[in-house]
Amino acid sequence: MAYMPLRKEEFYLETDKMPKIYDLSQPWGWDTPLWPFPGARSDLTFPRGQYLERFHKRTCTYTGTLHAATHMDAPNHTLHAEEVDRERYGYTLAELPLEHCIGSGVVVDLTYLYDEFEAAFNACDGDPARMGEYAEIPGVQKGPIWHQITPEEVQAALDKDGLEIRPNDWVVLNTGFHRYWRINNDKYFNYYPGNGPELAKWLMFEKKIKGISGTYGASDAVVWHCPVAEQMPWLAKNYKLATGRDIDVDYPDYEPCHRLFAQHGVMAVENAGGDIDKVTGKRLTISAFPFRCEAADGGMVRLCAWEEGTQW
């Protein structure tokens, strides 16, 4: 096979003159941060079957979870077939309605939650036994540690930037926690401010959104993974040290937001990041298309945004 010399004078595509697309996705590959489970977990692997130095091309195979980095969940991830209207909203990743995967939307500025968490975490030197005054306890106190985002907080952020949520919008919540990605994965996955049923129902039934994403480790706040004592025993222990309470009593359900979104045809994308700070507080066109795998209950997506009214 002949070597192909690089002739830049033949290039004709001028990327810098094309409309700007903002990538709101996190990169993934080797050493990708993964949702923490007890015990050993298989890493993402990319063994090469063909090599440039021998075959003049590179071919890799991928082994690993489809719920890594920026990814979309399908209904069959958390729901039984009888719990969904499969004809209307689909069930596997391949069946999701593409019309729900693109639309106008808003990127909501909640980055102050990162600042509040950092201040609280540093004030107690990251010691769960000293987190009591900062820990959120349902019906008792709000707090920056294990915080659940409220409708009032989202509305205040929208008002600040002169935005509104319209029917069929995408909503992307920028909590600022993407700054921990590959920097402090413990903070990212075990403390991120996230969604609870109150916010999910407000976004769905009052605002009537069709897509949701955020700079968080899952579509539910980390505390909504009952039985946490089995799923994430270190979290149950830390919550007990901080509050003196049983996390599975305070949050007695497993991923309620996942199931609400999935049942009602709302596309849910986890682990947003990338260029998100460049478009926070703005209305844009937002897209996240899944690949068409019939066996998948989720899969990586390229979460993208561009200015409304862009001419291609």
C-alpha atoms as a PDB file:
ATOM      1  CA  MET A   1       0.000   0.000   0.000  1.00  0.00           C
ATOM      2  CA  ALA A   2       1.405   3.393  -1.014  1.00  0.00           C
ATOM      3  CA  TYR A   3       2.019   6.066   1.589  1.00  0.00           C
ATOM      4  CA  MET A   4      -0.364   9.045   1.270  1.00  0.00           C
ATOM      5  CA  PRO A   5       1.577  12.340   1.489  1.00  0.00           C
ATOM      6  CA  LEU A   6      -0.116  15.220   3.271  1.00  0.00           C
ATOM      7  CA  ARG A   7      -1.038  17.966   0.757  1.00  0.00           C
ATOM      8  CA  LYS A   8      -2.692  20.747   2.719  1.00  0.00           C
ATOM      9  CA  GLU A   9      -3.048  22.908  -0.397  1.00  0.00           C
ATOM     10  CA  GLU A  10      -5.809  20.501  -1.546  1.00  0.00           C
ATOM     11  CA  PHE A  11      -7.961  21.066   1.536  1.00  0.00           C
ATOM     12  CA  TYR A  12     -11.230  22.852   0.829  1.00  0.00           C
ATOM     13  CA  LEU A  13     -13.457  22.471   3.926  1.00  0.00           C
ATOM     14  CA  GLU A  14     -13.201  25.542   6.184  1.00  0.00           C
ATOM     15  CA  THR A  15     -14.522  24.565   9.600  1.00  0.00           C
ATOM     16  CA  ASP A  16     -14.067  28.013  11.109  1.00  0.00           C
ATOM     17  CA  LYS A  17     -16.558  29.420   8.580  1.00  0.00           C
ATOM     18  CA  MET A  18     -19.246  26.875   9.443  1.00  0.00           C
ATOM     19  CA  PRO A  19     -21.894  27.437  12.147  1.00  0.00           C
ATOM     20  CA  LYS A  20     -20.562  26.670  15.633  1.00  0.00           C
ATOM     21  CA  ILE A  21     -21.759  23.507  17.350  1.00  0.00           C
ATOM     22  CA  TYR A  22     -21.157  23.255  21.093  1.00  0.00           C
ATOM     23  CA  ASP A  23     -20.295  19.817  22.401  1.00  0.00           C
ATOM     24  CA  LEU A  24     -21.938  19.280  25.791  1.00  0.00           C
ATOM     25  CA  SER A  25     -20.555  15.742  26.098  1.00  0.00           C
ATOM     26  CA  GLN A  26     -17.809  14.263  28.231  1.00  0.00           C
ATOM     27  CA  PRO A  27     -15.023  12.340  26.474  1.00  0.00           C
ATOM     28  CA  TRP A  28     -14.682   8.654  27.213  1.00  0.00           C
ATOM     29  CA  GLY A  29     -12.131   5.951  26.635  1.00  0.00           C
ATOM     30  CA  TRP A  30      -9.475   4.573  28.960  1.00  0.00           C
ATOM     31  CA  ASP A  31      -9.968   5.406  32.645  1.00  0.00           C
ATOM     32  CA  THR A  32     -13.490   6.748  32.097  1.00  0.00           C
ATOM     33  CA  PRO A  33     -15.231   7.563  35.406  1.00  0.00           C
ATOM     34  CA  LEU A  34     -17.932   4.946  36.010  1.00  0.00           C
ATOM     35  CA  TRP A  35     -20.934   4.782  38.305  1.00  0.00           C
ATOM     36  CA  PRO A  36     -19.692   3.257  41.570  1.00  0.00           C
ATOM     37  CA  PHE A  37     -20.925  -0.209  42.489  1.00  0.00           C
ATOM     38  CA  PRO A  38     -19.738  -2.352  45.398  1.00  0.00           C
ATOM     39  CA  GLY A  39     -17.060  -4.850  44.470  1.00  0.00           C
ATOM     40  CA  ALA A  40     -14.981  -5.100  41.325  1.00  0.00           C
ATOM     41  CA  ARG A  41     -16.310  -3.721  38.066  1.00  0.00           C
ATOM     42  CA  SER A  42     -15.119  -4.385  34.532  1.00  0.00           C
ATOM     43  CA  ASP A  43     -13.345  -1.427  33.001  1.00  0.00           C
ATOM     44  CA  LEU A  44     -13.907  -0.200  29.456  1.00  0.00           C
ATOM     45  CA  THR A  45     -11.488  -1.958  27.137  1.00  0.00           C
ATOM     46  CA  PHE A  46     -10.540  -1.255  23.518  1.00  0.00           C
ATOM     47  CA  PRO A  47      -8.415  -4.158  22.228  1.00  0.00           C
ATOM     48  CA  ARG A  48      -6.954  -3.641  18.762  1.00  0.00           C
ATOM     49  CA  GLY A  49      -7.558  -6.298  16.148  1.00  0.00           C
ATOM     50  CA  GLN A  50      -5.630  -4.569  13.383  1.00  0.00           C
ATOM     51  CA  TYR A  51      -2.629  -2.241  13.595  1.00  0.00           C
ATOM     52  CA  LEU A  52      -1.481   0.612  11.395  1.00  0.00           C
ATOM     53  CA  GLU A  53       2.082  -0.698  11.467  1.00  0.00           C
ATOM     54  CA  ARG A  54       1.016  -4.040   9.971  1.00  0.00           C
ATOM     55  CA  PHE A  55      -2.373  -3.677   8.251  1.00  0.00           C
ATOM     56  CA  HIS A  56      -2.194   0.046   7.420  1.00  0.00           C
ATOM     57  CA  LYS A  57      -5.398   0.531   9.364  1.00  0.00           C
ATOM     58  CA  ARG A  58      -6.507   0.435  12.979  1.00  0.00           C
ATOM     59  CA  THR A  59      -9.539  -1.586  14.108  1.00  0.00           C
ATOM     60  CA  CYS A  60     -10.659  -1.727  17.733  1.00  0.00           C
ATOM     61  CA  THR A  61     -13.404  -3.645  19.484  1.00  0.00           C
ATOM     62  CA  TYR A  62     -15.170  -2.273  22.549  1.00  0.00           C
ATOM     63  CA  THR A  63     -16.066  -4.173  25.690  1.00  0.00           C
ATOM     64  CA  GLY A  64     -17.825  -2.354  28.517  1.00  0.00           C
ATOM     65  CA  THR A  65     -21.008  -0.800  29.782  1.00  0.00           C
ATOM     66  CA  LEU A  66     -23.156   1.351  27.505  1.00  0.00           C
ATOM     67  CA  HIS A  67     -23.880   3.605  30.503  1.00  0.00           C
ATOM     68  CA  ALA A  68     -20.559   5.438  30.435  1.00  0.00           C
ATOM     69  CA  ALA A  69     -19.798   9.145  30.106  1.00  0.00           C
ATOM     70  CA  THR A  70     -22.539  11.172  28.387  1.00  0.00           C
ATOM     71  CA  HIS A  71     -25.258   8.638  27.645  1.00  0.00           C
ATOM     72  CA  MET A  72     -29.002   8.232  27.223  1.00  0.00           C
ATOM     73  CA  ASP A  73     -31.125   5.742  29.146  1.00  0.00           C
ATOM     74  CA  ALA A  74     -33.828   3.722  27.416  1.00  0.00           C
ATOM     75  CA  PRO A  75     -37.059   2.667  29.185  1.00  0.00           C
ATOM     76  CA  ASN A  76     -35.939  -0.976  29.371  1.00  0.00           C
ATOM     77  CA  HIS A  77     -33.145   0.174  31.688  1.00  0.00           C
ATOM     78  CA  THR A  78     -35.543   0.660  34.619  1.00  0.00           C
ATOM     79  CA  LEU A  79     -39.026  -0.444  33.506  1.00  0.00           C
ATOM     80  CA  HIS A  80     -40.761  -3.703  32.640  1.00  0.00           C
ATOM     81  CA  ALA A  81     -42.376  -3.884  29.211  1.00  0.00           C
ATOM     82  CA  GLU A  82     -45.860  -3.742  30.731  1.00  0.00           C
ATOM     83  CA  GLU A  83     -44.997  -0.407  32.369  1.00  0.00           C
ATOM     84  CA  VAL A  84     -44.527   1.426  29.053  1.00  0.00           C
ATOM     85  CA  ASP A  85     -46.541   2.329  25.978  1.00  0.00           C
ATOM     86  CA  ARG A  86     -44.043   0.766  23.600  1.00  0.00           C
ATOM     87  CA  GLU A  87     -45.874   1.767  20.440  1.00  0.00           C
ATOM     88  CA  ARG A  88     -45.934   5.415  21.485  1.00  0.00           C
ATOM     89  CA  TYR A  89     -42.571   5.947  23.205  1.00  0.00           C
ATOM     90  CA  GLY A  90     -40.474   2.863  22.483  1.00  0.00           C
ATOM     91  CA  TYR A  91     -38.746   0.500  24.901  1.00  0.00           C
ATOM     92  CA  THR A  92     -35.194  -0.281  23.752  1.00  0.00           C
ATOM     93  CA  LEU A  93     -32.615   2.305  22.731  1.00  0.00           C
ATOM     94  CA  ALA A  94     -33.333   1.536  19.063  1.00  0.00           C
ATOM     95  CA  GLU A  95     -37.025   2.343  19.485  1.00  0.00           C
ATOM     96  CA  LEU A  96     -36.760   5.810  21.019  1.00  0.00           C
ATOM     97  CA  PRO A  97     -38.605   8.463  18.967  1.00  0.00           C
ATOM     98  CA  LEU A  98     -36.066  10.630  17.177  1.00  0.00           C
ATOM     99  CA  GLU A  99     -38.470  13.570  17.296  1.00  0.00           C
ATOM    100  CA  HIS A 100     -37.867  13.641  21.059  1.00  0.00           C
ATOM    101  CA  CYS A 101     -34.095  13.735  20.593  1.00  0.00           C
ATOM    102  CA  ILE A 102     -33.821  17.249  19.163  1.00  0.00           C
ATOM    103  CA  GLY A 103     -35.505  20.562  19.843  1.00  0.00           C
ATOM    104  CA  SER A 104     -35.324  23.986  21.339  1.00  0.00           C
ATOM    105  CA  GLY A 105     -34.197  24.157  24.939  1.00  0.00           C
ATOM    106  CA  VAL A 106     -32.498  25.995  27.758  1.00  0.00           C
ATOM    107  CA  VAL A 107     -29.251  25.492  29.655  1.00  0.00           C
ATOM    108  CA  VAL A 108     -30.037  26.452  33.241  1.00  0.00           C
ATOM    109  CA  ASP A 109     -27.391  28.144  35.386  1.00  0.00           C
ATOM    110  CA  LEU A 110     -27.217  26.294  38.711  1.00  0.00           C
ATOM    111  CA  THR A 111     -23.424  26.490  38.967  1.00  0.00           C
ATOM    112  CA  TYR A 112     -23.667  28.174  42.366  1.00  0.00           C
ATOM    113  CA  LEU A 113     -24.517  24.707  43.716  1.00  0.00           C
ATOM    114  CA  TYR A 114     -20.920  23.701  42.975  1.00  0.00           C
ATOM    115  CA  ASP A 115     -19.615  26.698  44.931  1.00  0.00           C
ATOM    116  CA  GLU A 116     -21.906  26.004  47.878  1.00  0.00           C
ATOM    117  CA  PHE A 117     -20.908  22.352  47.967  1.00  0.00           C
ATOM    118  CA  GLU A 118     -17.191  23.158  47.788  1.00  0.00           C
ATOM    119  CA  ALA A 119     -17.507  25.605  50.692  1.00  0.00           C
ATOM    120  CA  ALA A 120     -19.402  23.081  52.810  1.00  0.00           C
ATOM    121  CA  PHE A 121     -17.141  20.147  51.941  1.00  0.00           C
ATOM    122  CA  ASN A 122     -14.020  22.152  52.769  1.00  0.00           C
ATOM    123  CA  ALA A 123     -15.514  23.519  55.992  1.00  0.00           C
ATOM    124  CA  CYS A 124     -15.768  19.974  57.344  1.00  0.00           C
ATOM    125  CA  ASP A 125     -12.561  18.766  55.651  1.00  0.00           C
ATOM    126  CA  GLY A 126     -14.551  16.162  53.734  1.00  0.00           C
ATOM    127  CA  ASP A 127     -15.303  14.273  56.962  1.00  0.00           C
ATOM    128  CA  PRO A 128     -18.846  12.810  56.862  1.00  0.00           C
ATOM    129  CA  ALA A 129     -18.999  12.868  60.655  1.00  0.00           C
ATOM    130  CA  ARG A 130     -18.794  16.681  60.456  1.00  0.00           C
ATOM    131  CA  MET A 131     -21.249  17.176  57.589  1.00  0.00           C
ATOM    132  CA  GLY A 132     -24.400  17.267  59.710  1.00  0.00           C
ATOM    133  CA  GLU A 133     -25.148  20.982  59.453  1.00  0.00           C
ATOM    134  CA  TYR A 134     -24.566  20.923  55.684  1.00  0.00           C
ATOM    135  CA  ALA A 135     -26.363  17.694  54.813  1.00  0.00           C
ATOM    136  CA  GLU A 136     -29.801  17.817  53.266  1.00  0.00           C
ATOM    137  CA  ILE A 137     -32.449  15.886  55.201  1.00  0.00           C
ATOM    138  CA  PRO A 138     -35.931  15.608  53.672  1.00  0.00           C
ATOM    139  CA  GLY A 139     -38.531  17.510  55.673  1.00  0.00           C
ATOM    140  CA  VAL A 140     -35.884  18.737  58.110  1.00  0.00           C
ATOM    141  CA  GLN A 141     -33.311  20.932  56.363  1.00  0.00           C
ATOM    142  CA  LYS A 142     -31.979  21.868  52.945  1.00  0.00           C
ATOM    143  CA  GLY A 143     -28.243  21.711  52.441  1.00  0.00           C
ATOM    144  CA  PRO A 144     -25.467  21.760  49.850  1.00  0.00           C
ATOM    145  CA  ILE A 145     -24.428  18.168  50.572  1.00  0.00           C
ATOM    146  CA  TRP A 146     -26.702  15.525  48.980  1.00  0.00           C
ATOM    147  CA  HIS A 147     -28.822  18.369  47.671  1.00  0.00           C
ATOM    148  CA  GLN A 148     -31.971  17.856  45.630  1.00  0.00           C
ATOM    149  CA  ILE A 149     -32.662  20.557  43.075  1.00  0.00           C
ATOM    150  CA  THR A 150     -36.071  22.187  43.542  1.00  0.00           C
ATOM    151  CA  PRO A 151     -38.512  23.723  41.061  1.00  0.00           C
ATOM    152  CA  GLU A 152     -38.038  27.047  42.836  1.00  0.00           C
ATOM    153  CA  GLU A 153     -34.275  26.947  42.241  1.00  0.00           C
ATOM    154  CA  VAL A 154     -34.737  26.186  38.551  1.00  0.00           C
ATOM    155  CA  GLN A 155     -37.332  28.926  38.161  1.00  0.00           C
ATOM    156  CA  ALA A 156     -35.098  31.462  39.922  1.00  0.00           C
ATOM    157  CA  ALA A 157     -32.220  30.569  37.592  1.00  0.00           C
ATOM    158  CA  LEU A 158     -34.478  30.954  34.572  1.00  0.00           C
ATOM    159  CA  ASP A 159     -35.719  34.331  35.787  1.00  0.00           C
ATOM    160  CA  LYS A 160     -32.135  35.516  36.347  1.00  0.00           C
ATOM    161  CA  ASP A 161     -31.291  34.951  32.691  1.00  0.00           C
ATOM    162  CA  GLY A 162     -34.644  35.952  31.218  1.00  0.00           C
ATOM    163  CA  LEU A 163     -35.504  32.407  30.152  1.00  0.00           C
ATOM    164  CA  GLU A 164     -38.601  30.247  30.284  1.00  0.00           C
ATOM    165  CA  ILE A 165     -39.303  26.559  29.787  1.00  0.00           C
ATOM    166  CA  ARG A 166     -41.739  25.983  26.931  1.00  0.00           C
ATOM    167  CA  PRO A 167     -43.684  22.835  26.033  1.00  0.00           C
ATOM    168  CA  ASN A 168     -41.513  20.270  24.215  1.00  0.00           C
ATOM    169  CA  ASP A 169     -38.308  21.921  25.424  1.00  0.00           C
ATOM    170  CA  TRP A 170     -35.063  20.267  26.309  1.00  0.00           C
ATOM    171  CA  VAL A 171     -33.715  21.307  29.712  1.00  0.00           C
ATOM    172  CA  VAL A 172     -30.033  20.978  30.611  1.00  0.00           C
ATOM    173  CA  LEU A 173     -29.136  21.679  34.245  1.00  0.00           C
ATOM    174  CA  ASN A 174     -25.611  23.000  34.768  1.00  0.00           C
ATOM    175  CA  THR A 175     -24.773  22.331  38.417  1.00  0.00           C
ATOM    176  CA  GLY A 176     -21.060  22.994  37.868  1.00  0.00           C
ATOM    177  CA  PHE A 177     -20.187  19.451  38.946  1.00  0.00           C
ATOM    178  CA  HIS A 178     -18.735  18.607  35.523  1.00  0.00           C
ATOM    179  CA  ARG A 179     -15.623  20.376  36.848  1.00  0.00           C
ATOM    180  CA  TYR A 180     -14.996  17.285  38.988  1.00  0.00           C
ATOM    181  CA  TRP A 181     -15.019  14.895  36.001  1.00  0.00           C
ATOM    182  CA  ARG A 182     -11.699  12.995  36.112  1.00  0.00           C
ATOM    183  CA  ILE A 183     -10.554  15.502  38.763  1.00  0.00           C
ATOM    184  CA  ASN A 184     -12.423  14.151  41.792  1.00  0.00           C
ATOM    185  CA  ASN A 185     -14.746  11.324  40.820  1.00  0.00           C
ATOM    186  CA  ASP A 186     -15.710  10.696  44.450  1.00  0.00           C
ATOM    187  CA  LYS A 187     -17.261  14.159  44.719  1.00  0.00           C
ATOM    188  CA  TYR A 188     -18.777  13.852  41.272  1.00  0.00           C
ATOM    189  CA  PHE A 189     -20.656  10.601  41.836  1.00  0.00           C
ATOM    190  CA  ASN A 190     -21.264  10.550  45.587  1.00  0.00           C
ATOM    191  CA  TYR A 191     -22.309  14.151  46.253  1.00  0.00           C
ATOM    192  CA  TYR A 192     -23.732  15.712  43.075  1.00  0.00           C
ATOM    193  CA  PRO A 193     -26.898  17.837  43.400  1.00  0.00           C
ATOM    194  CA  GLY A 194     -29.587  16.093  41.409  1.00  0.00           C
ATOM    195  CA  ASN A 195     -33.194  15.435  40.589  1.00  0.00           C
ATOM    196  CA  GLY A 196     -35.910  14.166  42.885  1.00  0.00           C
ATOM    197  CA  PRO A 197     -39.527  13.284  42.120  1.00  0.00           C
ATOM    198  CA  GLU A 198     -40.723  16.803  42.952  1.00  0.00           C
ATOM    199  CA  LEU A 199     -38.561  18.397  40.255  1.00  0.00           C
ATOM    200  CA  ALA A 200     -39.205  15.616  37.730  1.00  0.00           C
ATOM    201  CA  LYS A 201     -42.972  15.956  38.056  1.00  0.00           C
ATOM    202  CA  TRP A 202     -42.796  19.755  37.821  1.00  0.00           C
ATOM    203  CA  LEU A 203     -40.712  19.610  34.651  1.00  0.00           C
ATOM    204  CA  MET A 204     -42.949  16.954  33.115  1.00  0.00           C
ATOM    205  CA  PHE A 205     -46.493  17.808  34.094  1.00  0.00           C
ATOM    206  CA  GLU A 206     -46.259  21.582  34.465  1.00  0.00           C
ATOM    207  CA  LYS A 207     -43.544  22.479  31.954  1.00  0.00           C
ATOM    208  CA  LYS A 208     -44.107  19.488  29.625  1.00  0.00           C
ATOM    209  CA  ILE A 209     -40.471  18.960  28.605  1.00  0.00           C
ATOM    210  CA  LYS A 210     -39.348  16.253  26.178  1.00  0.00           C
ATOM    211  CA  GLY A 211     -35.659  16.038  27.124  1.00  0.00           C
ATOM    212  CA  ILE A 212     -33.582  16.425  30.285  1.00  0.00           C
ATOM    213  CA  SER A 213     -29.871  16.378  30.981  1.00  0.00           C
ATOM    214  CA  GLY A 214     -27.483  17.711  33.557  1.00  0.00           C
ATOM    215  CA  THR A 215     -23.964  17.779  34.887  1.00  0.00           C
ATOM    216  CA  TYR A 216     -24.682  14.952  37.274  1.00  0.00           C
ATOM    217  CA  GLY A 217     -23.869  11.274  37.603  1.00  0.00           C
ATOM    218  CA  ALA A 218     -27.439  10.043  37.154  1.00  0.00           C
ATOM    219  CA  SER A 219     -30.930  11.317  36.379  1.00  0.00           C
ATOM    220  CA  ASP A 220     -31.788  10.794  40.050  1.00  0.00           C
ATOM    221  CA  ALA A 221     -29.950  12.392  42.939  1.00  0.00           C
ATOM    222  CA  VAL A 222     -27.471   9.920  44.397  1.00  0.00           C
ATOM    223  CA  VAL A 223     -29.622   9.400  47.506  1.00  0.00           C
ATOM    224  CA  TRP A 224     -32.470   7.919  45.407  1.00  0.00           C
ATOM    225  CA  HIS A 225     -30.900   4.472  44.979  1.00  0.00           C
ATOM    226  CA  CYS A 226     -32.697   2.420  47.626  1.00  0.00           C
ATOM    227  CA  PRO A 227     -31.537   0.071  49.027  1.00  0.00           C
ATOM    228  CA  VAL A 228     -28.442   2.248  49.265  1.00  0.00           C
ATOM    229  CA  ALA A 229     -27.148  -0.066  51.990  1.00  0.00           C
ATOM    230  CA  GLU A 230     -26.722  -2.692  49.249  1.00  0.00           C
ATOM    231  CA  GLN A 231     -26.187  -0.528  46.169  1.00  0.00           C
ATOM    232  CA  MET A 232     -23.726   1.967  47.671  1.00  0.00           C
ATOM    233  CA  PRO A 233     -22.897   0.890  51.247  1.00  0.00           C
ATOM    234  CA  TRP A 234     -20.229   3.589  51.705  1.00  0.00           C
ATOM    235  CA  LEU A 235     -22.870   6.232  51.000  1.00  0.00           C
ATOM    236  CA  ALA A 236     -25.276   4.724  53.521  1.00  0.00           C
ATOM    237  CA  LYS A 237     -22.474   4.769  56.098  1.00  0.00           C
ATOM    238  CA  ASN A 238     -21.496   8.371  55.350  1.00  0.00           C
ATOM    239  CA  TYR A 239     -25.102   9.563  55.438  1.00  0.00           C
ATOM    240  CA  LYS A 240     -25.523   7.873  58.828  1.00  0.00           C
ATOM    241  CA  LEU A 241     -22.355   9.498  60.148  1.00  0.00           C
ATOM    242  CA  ALA A 242     -23.505  12.911  58.945  1.00  0.00           C
ATOM    243  CA  THR A 243     -27.178  12.807  59.941  1.00  0.00           C
ATOM    244  CA  GLY A 244     -27.646   9.912  62.346  1.00  0.00           C
ATOM    245  CA  ARG A 245     -30.381   8.678  60.019  1.00  0.00           C
ATOM    246  CA  ASP A 246     -31.063   5.739  57.704  1.00  0.00           C
ATOM    247  CA  ILE A 247     -30.796   6.894  54.084  1.00  0.00           C
ATOM    248  CA  ASP A 248     -33.175   4.161  52.906  1.00  0.00           C
ATOM    249  CA  VAL A 249     -35.863   5.456  55.279  1.00  0.00           C
ATOM    250  CA  ASP A 250     -35.391   9.047  54.135  1.00  0.00           C
ATOM    251  CA  TYR A 251     -35.278   8.083  50.427  1.00  0.00           C
ATOM    252  CA  PRO A 252     -37.281   4.845  50.108  1.00  0.00           C
ATOM    253  CA  ASP A 253     -37.301   4.398  46.323  1.00  0.00           C
ATOM    254  CA  TYR A 254     -34.970   3.358  43.528  1.00  0.00           C
ATOM    255  CA  GLU A 255     -34.449   5.839  40.687  1.00  0.00           C
ATOM    256  CA  PRO A 256     -37.973   7.321  40.616  1.00  0.00           C
ATOM    257  CA  CYS A 257     -36.951  10.044  38.148  1.00  0.00           C
ATOM    258  CA  HIS A 258     -35.457   7.526  35.736  1.00  0.00           C
ATOM    259  CA  ARG A 259     -38.755   5.677  35.690  1.00  0.00           C
ATOM    260  CA  LEU A 260     -40.925   8.783  35.445  1.00  0.00           C
ATOM    261  CA  PHE A 261     -38.946  10.180  32.524  1.00  0.00           C
ATOM    262  CA  ALA A 262     -38.824   6.811  30.749  1.00  0.00           C
ATOM    263  CA  GLN A 263     -42.526   6.088  31.124  1.00  0.00           C
ATOM    264  CA  HIS A 264     -43.532   9.459  29.710  1.00  0.00           C
ATOM    265  CA  GLY A 265     -41.234   9.588  26.690  1.00  0.00           C
ATOM    266  CA  VAL A 266     -38.793  12.130  28.134  1.00  0.00           C
ATOM    267  CA  MET A 267     -35.263  11.585  26.823  1.00  0.00           C
ATOM    268  CA  ALA A 268     -32.836  11.501  29.760  1.00  0.00           C
ATOM    269  CA  VAL A 269     -29.103  12.073  29.276  1.00  0.00           C
ATOM    270  CA  GLU A 270     -26.574  11.800  32.101  1.00  0.00           C
ATOM    271  CA  ASN A 271     -23.079  13.270  32.562  1.00  0.00           C
ATOM    272  CA  ALA A 272     -23.337  16.463  30.523  1.00  0.00           C
ATOM    273  CA  GLY A 273     -20.209  18.610  30.381  1.00  0.00           C
ATOM    274  CA  GLY A 274     -17.814  19.664  27.657  1.00  0.00           C
ATOM    275  CA  ASP A 275     -18.569  23.188  26.405  1.00  0.00           C
ATOM    276  CA  ILE A 276     -21.573  23.631  28.681  1.00  0.00           C
ATOM    277  CA  ASP A 277     -20.194  26.712  30.476  1.00  0.00           C
ATOM    278  CA  LYS A 278     -20.027  28.530  27.123  1.00  0.00           C
ATOM    279  CA  VAL A 279     -23.786  28.259  26.599  1.00  0.00           C
ATOM    280  CA  THR A 280     -25.150  28.362  30.137  1.00  0.00           C
ATOM    281  CA  GLY A 281     -28.038  30.756  30.625  1.00  0.00           C
ATOM    282  CA  LYS A 282     -29.052  30.596  26.957  1.00  0.00           C
ATOM    283  CA  ARG A 283     -31.759  29.177  24.727  1.00  0.00           C
ATOM    284  CA  LEU A 284     -30.405  26.983  21.937  1.00  0.00           C
ATOM    285  CA  THR A 285     -31.264  24.051  19.739  1.00  0.00           C
ATOM    286  CA  ILE A 286     -30.241  20.882  21.584  1.00  0.00           C
ATOM    287  CA  SER A 287     -29.810  17.355  20.251  1.00  0.00           C
ATOM    288  CA  ALA A 288     -28.777  13.930  21.516  1.00  0.00           C
ATOM    289  CA  PHE A 289     -29.305  11.030  19.114  1.00  0.00           C
ATOM    290  CA  PRO A 290     -28.895   7.411  20.293  1.00  0.00           C
ATOM    291  CA  PHE A 291     -27.455   4.674  18.104  1.00  0.00           C
ATOM    292  CA  ARG A 292     -29.916   2.079  16.799  1.00  0.00           C
ATOM    293  CA  CYS A 293     -29.062  -0.992  18.884  1.00  0.00           C
ATOM    294  CA  GLU A 294     -31.982  -3.329  19.526  1.00  0.00           C
ATOM    295  CA  ALA A 295     -30.239  -4.970  22.484  1.00  0.00           C
ATOM    296  CA  ALA A 296     -29.289  -1.749  24.293  1.00  0.00           C
ATOM    297  CA  ASP A 297     -30.931  -0.323  27.411  1.00  0.00           C
ATOM    298  CA  GLY A 298     -28.838   2.822  27.048  1.00  0.00           C
ATOM    299  CA  GLY A 299     -25.942   4.177  25.103  1.00  0.00           C
ATOM    300  CA  MET A 300     -23.465   6.986  24.649  1.00  0.00           C
ATOM    301  CA  VAL A 301     -24.647  10.096  22.811  1.00  0.00           C
ATOM    302  CA  ARG A 302     -23.093  13.314  21.540  1.00  0.00           C
ATOM    303  CA  LEU A 303     -25.091  15.968  23.389  1.00  0.00           C
ATOM    304  CA  CYS A 304     -24.855  19.071  21.206  1.00  0.00           C
ATOM    305  CA  ALA A 305     -26.217  22.607  21.056  1.00  0.00           C
ATOM    306  CA  TRP A 306     -26.203  25.455  18.553  1.00  0.00           C
ATOM    307  CA  GLU A 307     -27.695  28.902  18.230  1.00  0.00           C
ATOM    308  CA  GLU A 308     -31.398  29.096  17.432  1.00  0.00           C
ATOM    309  CA  GLY A 309     -32.055  30.001  13.796  1.00  0.00           C
ATOM    310  CA  THR A 310     -28.695  28.747  12.545  1.00  0.00           C
ATOM    311  CA  GLN A 311     -28.505  28.591   8.752  1.00  0.00           C
ATOM    312  CA  TRP A 312     -26.604  25.586   7.478  1.00  0.00           C
END
